[in-house]
């Protein structure tokens, strides 16, 4: 997945499959699992750090 595609997903709820594609990208240099989201039901909240230092908030449905 490209950096631009990942940025476009900021604040979105993504599937486990999409989440795995994002983490396979060379654009990601770090991530933090923040925990259960208070904004998105049944989702975990993650903050991803991209190679340029930009951060993206993602939510992934809990399995």
PDB file of N, CA and C in Angstrom:
ATOM      1  N   UNK A   1       0.852  -1.172   0.000  1.00  0.00           N
ATOM      2  CA  UNK A   1       0.000   0.000   0.000  1.00  0.00           C
ATOM      3  C   UNK A   1       0.900   1.238   0.000  1.00  0.00           C
ATOM      4  N   UNK A   2       0.507   2.259  -0.751  1.00  0.00           N
ATOM      5  CA  UNK A   2       1.320   3.467  -0.835  1.00  0.00           C
ATOM      6  C   UNK A   2       1.046   4.384   0.350  1.00  0.00           C
ATOM      7  N   UNK A   3       1.957   5.322   0.552  1.00  0.00           N
ATOM      8  CA  UNK A   3       1.806   6.291   1.629  1.00  0.00           C
ATOM      9  C   UNK A   3       0.503   7.074   1.459  1.00  0.00           C
ATOM     10  N   UNK A   4       0.201   7.484   0.237  1.00  0.00           N
ATOM     11  CA  UNK A   4      -1.008   8.258  -0.032  1.00  0.00           C
ATOM     12  C   UNK A   4      -2.268   7.446   0.283  1.00  0.00           C
ATOM     13  N   UNK A   5      -2.259   6.165  -0.062  1.00  0.00           N
ATOM     14  CA  UNK A   5      -3.406   5.306   0.242  1.00  0.00           C
ATOM     15  C   UNK A   5      -3.599   5.174   1.747  1.00  0.00           C
ATOM     16  N   UNK A   6      -2.502   5.063   2.480  1.00  0.00           N
ATOM     17  CA  UNK A   6      -2.579   4.946   3.940  1.00  0.00           C
ATOM     18  C   UNK A   6      -3.099   6.242   4.548  1.00  0.00           C
ATOM     19  N   UNK A   7      -2.601   7.380   4.079  1.00  0.00           N
ATOM     20  CA  UNK A   7      -3.053   8.680   4.587  1.00  0.00           C
ATOM     21  C   UNK A   7      -4.552   8.857   4.348  1.00  0.00           C
ATOM     22  N   UNK A   8      -5.039   8.390   3.210  1.00  0.00           N
ATOM     23  CA  UNK A   8      -6.468   8.510   2.899  1.00  0.00           C
ATOM     24  C   UNK A   8      -7.346   7.678   3.832  1.00  0.00           C
ATOM     25  N   UNK A   9      -6.765   6.731   4.542  1.00  0.00           N
ATOM     26  CA  UNK A   9      -7.517   5.898   5.489  1.00  0.00           C
ATOM     27  C   UNK A   9      -7.538   6.487   6.900  1.00  0.00           C
ATOM     28  N   UNK A  10      -6.906   7.644   7.098  1.00  0.00           N
ATOM     29  CA  UNK A  10      -6.848   8.273   8.420  1.00  0.00           C
ATOM     30  C   UNK A  10      -8.252   8.389   9.005  1.00  0.00           C
ATOM     31  N   UNK A  11      -8.417   7.924  10.226  1.00  0.00           N
ATOM     32  CA  UNK A  11      -9.653   7.909  11.036  1.00  0.00           C
ATOM     33  C   UNK A  11     -10.710   6.931  10.534  1.00  0.00           C
ATOM     34  N   UNK A  12     -10.369   6.065   9.592  1.00  0.00           N
ATOM     35  CA  UNK A  12     -11.322   5.088   9.064  1.00  0.00           C
ATOM     36  C   UNK A  12     -11.258   3.774   9.848  1.00  0.00           C
ATOM     37  N   UNK A  13     -12.344   3.018   9.792  1.00  0.00           N
ATOM     38  CA  UNK A  13     -12.370   1.653  10.307  1.00  0.00           C
ATOM     39  C   UNK A  13     -11.978   0.743   9.152  1.00  0.00           C
ATOM     40  N   UNK A  14     -10.940  -0.068   9.363  1.00  0.00           N
ATOM     41  CA  UNK A  14     -10.458  -0.948   8.296  1.00  0.00           C
ATOM     42  C   UNK A  14     -10.620  -2.407   8.702  1.00  0.00           C
ATOM     43  N   UNK A  15     -10.682  -3.257   7.696  1.00  0.00           N
ATOM     44  CA  UNK A  15     -10.770  -4.699   7.940  1.00  0.00           C
ATOM     45  C   UNK A  15      -9.402  -5.233   8.353  1.00  0.00           C
ATOM     46  N   UNK A  16      -9.394  -6.433   8.880  1.00  0.00           N
ATOM     47  CA  UNK A  16      -8.135  -7.081   9.253  1.00  0.00           C
ATOM     48  C   UNK A  16      -7.256  -7.250   8.015  1.00  0.00           C
ATOM     49  N   UNK A  17      -7.858  -7.587   6.881  1.00  0.00           N
ATOM     50  CA  UNK A  17      -7.099  -7.774   5.639  1.00  0.00           C
ATOM     51  C   UNK A  17      -6.419  -6.477   5.212  1.00  0.00           C
ATOM     52  N   UNK A  18      -7.143  -5.367   5.272  1.00  0.00           N
ATOM     53  CA  UNK A  18      -6.563  -4.065   4.920  1.00  0.00           C
ATOM     54  C   UNK A  18      -5.479  -3.688   5.913  1.00  0.00           C
ATOM     55  N   UNK A  19      -5.729  -3.959   7.185  1.00  0.00           N
ATOM     56  CA  UNK A  19      -4.758  -3.673   8.238  1.00  0.00           C
ATOM     57  C   UNK A  19      -3.443  -4.400   7.952  1.00  0.00           C
ATOM     58  N   UNK A  20      -3.526  -5.654   7.546  1.00  0.00           N
ATOM     59  CA  UNK A  20      -2.328  -6.435   7.231  1.00  0.00           C
ATOM     60  C   UNK A  20      -1.603  -5.872   6.011  1.00  0.00           C
ATOM     61  N   UNK A  21      -2.339  -5.412   5.017  1.00  0.00           N
ATOM     62  CA  UNK A  21      -1.724  -4.797   3.831  1.00  0.00           C
ATOM     63  C   UNK A  21      -0.985  -3.515   4.204  1.00  0.00           C
ATOM     64  N   UNK A  22      -1.574  -2.747   5.098  1.00  0.00           N
ATOM     65  CA  UNK A  22      -0.936  -1.509   5.548  1.00  0.00           C
ATOM     66  C   UNK A  22       0.391  -1.827   6.226  1.00  0.00           C
ATOM     67  N   UNK A  23       0.406  -2.821   7.093  1.00  0.00           N
ATOM     68  CA  UNK A  23       1.624  -3.158   7.825  1.00  0.00           C
ATOM     69  C   UNK A  23       2.680  -3.823   6.954  1.00  0.00           C
ATOM     70  N   UNK A  24       2.282  -4.313   5.783  1.00  0.00           N
ATOM     71  CA  UNK A  24       3.254  -4.871   4.840  1.00  0.00           C
ATOM     72  C   UNK A  24       3.964  -3.768   4.053  1.00  0.00           C
ATOM     73  N   UNK A  25       3.492  -2.546   4.181  1.00  0.00           N
ATOM     74  CA  UNK A  25       4.044  -1.417   3.436  1.00  0.00           C
ATOM     75  C   UNK A  25       5.374  -0.959   4.029  1.00  0.00           C
ATOM     76  N   UNK A  26       6.260  -0.512   3.161  1.00  0.00           N
ATOM     77  CA  UNK A  26       7.543   0.042   3.602  1.00  0.00           C
ATOM     78  C   UNK A  26       7.392   1.456   4.161  1.00  0.00           C
ATOM     79  N   UNK A  27       6.197   2.018   4.073  1.00  0.00           N
ATOM     80  CA  UNK A  27       5.950   3.392   4.520  1.00  0.00           C
ATOM     81  C   UNK A  27       5.807   3.504   6.038  1.00  0.00           C
ATOM     82  N   UNK A  28       5.547   2.391   6.702  1.00  0.00           N
ATOM     83  CA  UNK A  28       5.302   2.388   8.146  1.00  0.00           C
ATOM     84  C   UNK A  28       6.612   2.143   8.892  1.00  0.00           C
ATOM     85  N   UNK A  29       6.963   3.075   9.797  1.00  0.00           N
ATOM     86  CA  UNK A  29       8.181   2.872  10.597  1.00  0.00           C
ATOM     87  C   UNK A  29       7.867   2.590  12.062  1.00  0.00           C
ATOM     88  N   UNK A  30       6.603   2.749  12.451  1.00  0.00           N
ATOM     89  CA  UNK A  30       6.240   2.454  13.827  1.00  0.00           C
ATOM     90  C   UNK A  30       4.738   2.520  14.018  1.00  0.00           C
ATOM     91  N   UNK A  31       4.288   1.944  15.128  1.00  0.00           N
ATOM     92  CA  UNK A  31       2.866   2.016  15.449  1.00  0.00           C
ATOM     93  C   UNK A  31       2.689   1.879  16.944  1.00  0.00           C
ATOM     94  N   UNK A  32       1.561   2.377  17.396  1.00  0.00           N
ATOM     95  CA  UNK A  32       1.195   2.272  18.804  1.00  0.00           C
ATOM     96  C   UNK A  32      -0.248   1.792  18.869  1.00  0.00           C
ATOM     97  N   UNK A  33      -0.475   0.734  19.632  1.00  0.00           N
ATOM     98  CA  UNK A  33      -1.853   0.309  19.883  1.00  0.00           C
ATOM     99  C   UNK A  33      -2.332   1.101  21.086  1.00  0.00           C
ATOM    100  N   UNK A  34      -3.242   2.012  20.838  1.00  0.00           N
ATOM    101  CA  UNK A  34      -3.729   2.894  21.890  1.00  0.00           C
ATOM    102  C   UNK A  34      -4.703   2.159  22.794  1.00  0.00           C
ATOM    103  N   UNK A  35      -5.481   1.252  22.210  1.00  0.00           N
ATOM    104  CA  UNK A  35      -6.441   0.481  22.985  1.00  0.00           C
ATOM    105  C   UNK A  35      -7.822   0.553  22.369  1.00  0.00           C
ATOM    106  N   UNK A  36      -8.823   0.274  23.179  1.00  0.00           N
ATOM    107  CA  UNK A  36     -10.204   0.279  22.701  1.00  0.00           C
ATOM    108  C   UNK A  36     -10.628   1.706  22.376  1.00  0.00           C
ATOM    109  N   UNK A  37     -11.234   1.873  21.221  1.00  0.00           N
ATOM    110  CA  UNK A  37     -11.697   3.191  20.795  1.00  0.00           C
ATOM    111  C   UNK A  37     -12.956   3.587  21.547  1.00  0.00           C
ATOM    112  N   UNK A  38     -12.998   4.828  21.958  1.00  0.00           N
ATOM    113  CA  UNK A  38     -14.209   5.364  22.552  1.00  0.00           C
ATOM    114  C   UNK A  38     -15.139   5.960  21.505  1.00  0.00           C
ATOM    115  N   UNK A  39     -14.621   6.132  20.284  1.00  0.00           N
ATOM    116  CA  UNK A  39     -15.398   6.740  19.202  1.00  0.00           C
ATOM    117  C   UNK A  39     -16.006   5.726  18.249  1.00  0.00           C
ATOM    118  N   UNK A  40     -15.325   4.620  18.048  1.00  0.00           N
ATOM    119  CA  UNK A  40     -15.757   3.606  17.077  1.00  0.00           C
ATOM    120  C   UNK A  40     -16.075   2.320  17.832  1.00  0.00           C
ATOM    121  N   UNK A  41     -17.316   1.867  17.746  1.00  0.00           N
ATOM    122  CA  UNK A  41     -17.756   0.675  18.472  1.00  0.00           C
ATOM    123  C   UNK A  41     -16.988  -0.572  18.045  1.00  0.00           C
ATOM    124  N   UNK A  42     -16.622  -1.387  19.028  1.00  0.00           N
ATOM    125  CA  UNK A  42     -15.960  -2.674  18.802  1.00  0.00           C
ATOM    126  C   UNK A  42     -14.683  -2.570  17.977  1.00  0.00           C
ATOM    127  N   UNK A  43     -13.947  -1.478  18.153  1.00  0.00           N
ATOM    128  CA  UNK A  43     -12.705  -1.284  17.397  1.00  0.00           C
ATOM    129  C   UNK A  43     -11.541  -0.992  18.335  1.00  0.00           C
ATOM    130  N   UNK A  44     -10.360  -1.420  17.902  1.00  0.00           N
ATOM    131  CA  UNK A  44      -9.122  -1.020  18.554  1.00  0.00           C
ATOM    132  C   UNK A  44      -8.542   0.148  17.768  1.00  0.00           C
ATOM    133  N   UNK A  45      -7.905   1.072  18.490  1.00  0.00           N
ATOM    134  CA  UNK A  45      -7.360   2.288  17.893  1.00  0.00           C
ATOM    135  C   UNK A  45      -5.852   2.139  17.802  1.00  0.00           C
ATOM    136  N   UNK A  46      -5.308   2.465  16.635  1.00  0.00           N
ATOM    137  CA  UNK A  46      -3.871   2.414  16.388  1.00  0.00           C
ATOM    138  C   UNK A  46      -3.404   3.749  15.829  1.00  0.00           C
ATOM    139  N   UNK A  47      -2.211   4.158  16.226  1.00  0.00           N
ATOM    140  CA  UNK A  47      -1.567   5.317  15.620  1.00  0.00           C
ATOM    141  C   UNK A  47      -0.344   4.803  14.881  1.00  0.00           C
ATOM    142  N   UNK A  48      -0.317   5.025  13.563  1.00  0.00           N
ATOM    143  CA  UNK A  48       0.790   4.585  12.726  1.00  0.00           C
ATOM    144  C   UNK A  48       1.698   5.767  12.443  1.00  0.00           C
ATOM    145  N   UNK A  49       3.004   5.532  12.453  1.00  0.00           N
ATOM    146  CA  UNK A  49       3.969   6.562  12.093  1.00  0.00           C
ATOM    147  C   UNK A  49       4.555   6.220  10.736  1.00  0.00           C
ATOM    148  N   UNK A  50       4.446   7.175   9.817  1.00  0.00           N
ATOM    149  CA  UNK A  50       4.952   6.985   8.464  1.00  0.00           C
ATOM    150  C   UNK A  50       6.414   7.421   8.375  1.00  0.00           C
ATOM    151  N   UNK A  51       7.059   7.094   7.263  1.00  0.00           N
ATOM    152  CA  UNK A  51       8.493   7.352   7.109  1.00  0.00           C
ATOM    153  C   UNK A  51       8.855   8.828   7.208  1.00  0.00           C
ATOM    154  N   UNK A  52       7.913   9.721   6.944  1.00  0.00           N
ATOM    155  CA  UNK A  52       8.195  11.157   7.044  1.00  0.00           C
ATOM    156  C   UNK A  52       7.802  11.732   8.407  1.00  0.00           C
ATOM    157  N   UNK A  53       7.384  10.863   9.339  1.00  0.00           N
ATOM    158  CA  UNK A  53       7.008  11.297  10.675  1.00  0.00           C
ATOM    159  C   UNK A  53       5.530  11.606  10.840  1.00  0.00           C
ATOM    160  N   UNK A  54       4.799  11.633   9.744  1.00  0.00           N
ATOM    161  CA  UNK A  54       3.355  11.884   9.816  1.00  0.00           C
ATOM    162  C   UNK A  54       2.667  10.719  10.526  1.00  0.00           C
ATOM    163  N   UNK A  55       1.621  11.038  11.283  1.00  0.00           N
ATOM    164  CA  UNK A  55       0.887  10.002  12.002  1.00  0.00           C
ATOM    165  C   UNK A  55      -0.508   9.831  11.414  1.00  0.00           C
ATOM    166  N   UNK A  56      -0.965   8.583  11.400  1.00  0.00           N
ATOM    167  CA  UNK A  56      -2.279   8.231  10.878  1.00  0.00           C
ATOM    168  C   UNK A  56      -3.012   7.447  11.959  1.00  0.00           C
ATOM    169  N   UNK A  57      -4.245   7.847  12.249  1.00  0.00           N
ATOM    170  CA  UNK A  57      -5.088   7.136  13.204  1.00  0.00           C
ATOM    171  C   UNK A  57      -5.939   6.135  12.442  1.00  0.00           C
ATOM    172  N   UNK A  58      -5.885   4.881  12.871  1.00  0.00           N
ATOM    173  CA  UNK A  58      -6.678   3.828  12.237  1.00  0.00           C
ATOM    174  C   UNK A  58      -7.454   3.074  13.296  1.00  0.00           C
ATOM    175  N   UNK A  59      -8.576   2.551  12.880  1.00  0.00           N
ATOM    176  CA  UNK A  59      -9.398   1.727  13.751  1.00  0.00           C
ATOM    177  C   UNK A  59      -9.612   0.392  13.063  1.00  0.00           C
ATOM    178  N   UNK A  60      -9.473  -0.682  13.822  1.00  0.00           N
ATOM    179  CA  UNK A  60      -9.645  -2.020  13.267  1.00  0.00           C
ATOM    180  C   UNK A  60     -10.669  -2.759  14.120  1.00  0.00           C
ATOM    181  N   UNK A  61     -11.657  -3.354  13.450  1.00  0.00           N
ATOM    182  CA  UNK A  61     -12.676  -4.131  14.160  1.00  0.00           C
ATOM    183  C   UNK A  61     -12.026  -5.276  14.917  1.00  0.00           C
ATOM    184  N   UNK A  62     -12.438  -5.454  16.153  1.00  0.00           N
ATOM    185  CA  UNK A  62     -11.941  -6.586  16.934  1.00  0.00           C
ATOM    186  C   UNK A  62     -12.573  -7.859  16.436  1.00  0.00           C
ATOM    187  N   UNK A  63     -11.782  -8.908  16.363  1.00  0.00           N
ATOM    188  CA  UNK A  63     -12.266 -10.208  15.874  1.00  0.00           C
ATOM    189  C   UNK A  63     -12.947 -10.950  17.005  1.00  0.00           C
TER     190      UNK A  63
END
